Amino acid sequence: MEKSVQKYLVMIKLSPNMAAKLYEPLMQFSEEPMKGVKLEEAYQVFGQWDFAVLFQADTNANAVHFVSDKLRLIEGVTETFTIPLAPIKDYRK
């Protein structure tokens, strides 16, 4: 039986004029930046937040470690907001 995973969306806020500093670290992450975490997509967004990263984690603890030990340590990141996702419908099917 395959181990279940939880999807998360983490919103990232940067210091002013720091967007360019985040691109490089995001591009350098592998698909699996740490054990138990798999990155899916990264987005630049507008408004209150600057970037969003969609990822899967096999445990809540691994999700917390990824955000706190990898994303929050990137220069210019001032705040993150992590949202566990619960799917209600897949429109691609």
Protein backbone atom coordinates (compact mmCIF):
# COMPACT_ATOMS: atom_id res chain seq x y z
CA MET A 1 0.00 0.00 0.00
CA GLU A 2 1.37 3.40 -0.99
CA LYS A 3 2.04 5.91 1.78
CA SER A 4 -0.44 8.80 1.66
CA VAL A 5 0.79 12.33 1.17
CA GLN A 6 -0.68 15.70 2.02
CA LYS A 7 -0.50 18.66 -0.36
CA TYR A 8 0.41 22.10 0.93
CA LEU A 9 0.47 25.58 -0.53
CA VAL A 10 2.98 27.91 1.11
CA MET A 11 2.66 31.62 0.49
CA ILE A 12 5.90 33.62 0.71
CA LYS A 13 6.30 37.32 1.50
CA LEU A 14 9.57 39.09 0.70
CA SER A 15 11.32 42.26 1.73
CA PRO A 16 10.86 45.01 -0.88
CA ASN A 17 13.00 44.54 -4.01
CA MET A 18 14.03 41.00 -3.03
CA ALA A 19 12.12 38.96 -5.67
CA ALA A 20 15.26 38.38 -7.73
CA LYS A 21 17.00 36.93 -4.67
CA LEU A 22 14.31 34.24 -4.30
CA TYR A 23 14.40 33.02 -7.91
CA GLU A 24 17.85 31.42 -7.66
CA PRO A 25 17.23 29.37 -4.49
CA LEU A 26 13.83 28.22 -5.83
CA MET A 27 15.40 27.12 -9.12
CA GLN A 28 18.19 25.26 -7.29
CA PHE A 29 15.82 23.09 -5.25
CA SER A 30 15.56 19.55 -6.54
CA GLU A 31 12.14 17.98 -6.93
CA GLU A 32 12.79 16.37 -3.54
CA PRO A 33 14.61 19.04 -1.50
CA MET A 34 14.49 16.85 1.59
CA LYS A 35 13.30 13.38 2.58
CA GLY A 36 9.50 13.16 2.60
CA VAL A 37 8.92 16.38 0.59
CA LYS A 38 8.23 16.64 -3.14
CA LEU A 39 7.89 19.98 -4.89
CA GLU A 40 5.19 20.34 -7.53
CA GLU A 41 5.08 23.96 -8.74
CA ALA A 42 6.24 27.47 -7.84
CA TYR A 43 4.38 30.65 -8.79
CA GLN A 44 4.96 34.37 -8.67
CA VAL A 45 1.79 35.98 -7.35
CA PHE A 46 0.58 39.54 -6.87
CA GLY A 47 -0.92 41.33 -3.90
CA GLN A 48 -0.18 40.63 -0.25
CA TRP A 49 2.13 37.69 -1.11
CA ASP A 50 4.99 37.48 -3.62
CA PHE A 51 5.44 33.75 -4.33
CA ALA A 52 3.58 30.49 -3.77
CA VAL A 53 5.00 26.97 -3.69
CA LEU A 54 2.85 23.86 -4.06
CA PHE A 55 4.37 20.74 -2.51
CA GLN A 56 3.57 17.35 -1.02
CA ALA A 57 4.82 15.98 2.28
CA ASP A 58 4.45 12.53 3.78
CA THR A 59 4.02 13.98 7.30
CA ASN A 60 3.09 17.33 8.82
CA ALA A 61 6.48 17.34 10.54
CA ASN A 62 8.28 17.14 7.20
CA ALA A 63 6.13 19.98 5.84
CA VAL A 64 7.04 22.13 8.85
CA HIS A 65 10.74 21.29 8.50
CA PHE A 66 10.74 22.13 4.78
CA VAL A 67 9.13 25.52 5.33
CA SER A 68 11.13 26.45 8.44
CA ASP A 69 14.50 24.90 7.52
CA LYS A 70 14.55 25.59 3.76
CA LEU A 71 12.16 28.35 2.69
CA ARG A 72 12.27 30.69 5.69
CA LEU A 73 16.07 30.73 5.64
CA ILE A 74 16.24 32.17 2.12
CA GLU A 75 17.51 35.74 2.15
CA GLY A 76 14.66 38.25 1.88
CA VAL A 77 11.85 35.97 3.09
CA THR A 78 9.98 37.87 5.80
CA GLU A 79 6.88 35.73 6.26
CA THR A 80 5.33 32.44 5.16
CA PHE A 81 1.78 31.12 5.42
CA THR A 82 1.31 27.39 4.90
CA ILE A 83 -2.07 25.99 3.90
CA PRO A 84 -2.80 22.24 4.02
CA LEU A 85 -5.00 21.44 1.02
CA ALA A 86 -8.01 19.13 1.07
CA PRO A 87 -9.23 18.36 -2.46
CA ILE A 88 -12.95 18.43 -3.12
CA LYS A 89 -12.97 17.91 -6.92
CA ASP A 90 -10.43 17.23 -9.66
CA TYR A 91 -11.70 19.06 -12.75
CA ARG A 92 -9.10 17.37 -14.97
CA LYS A 93 -10.94 14.05 -14.72
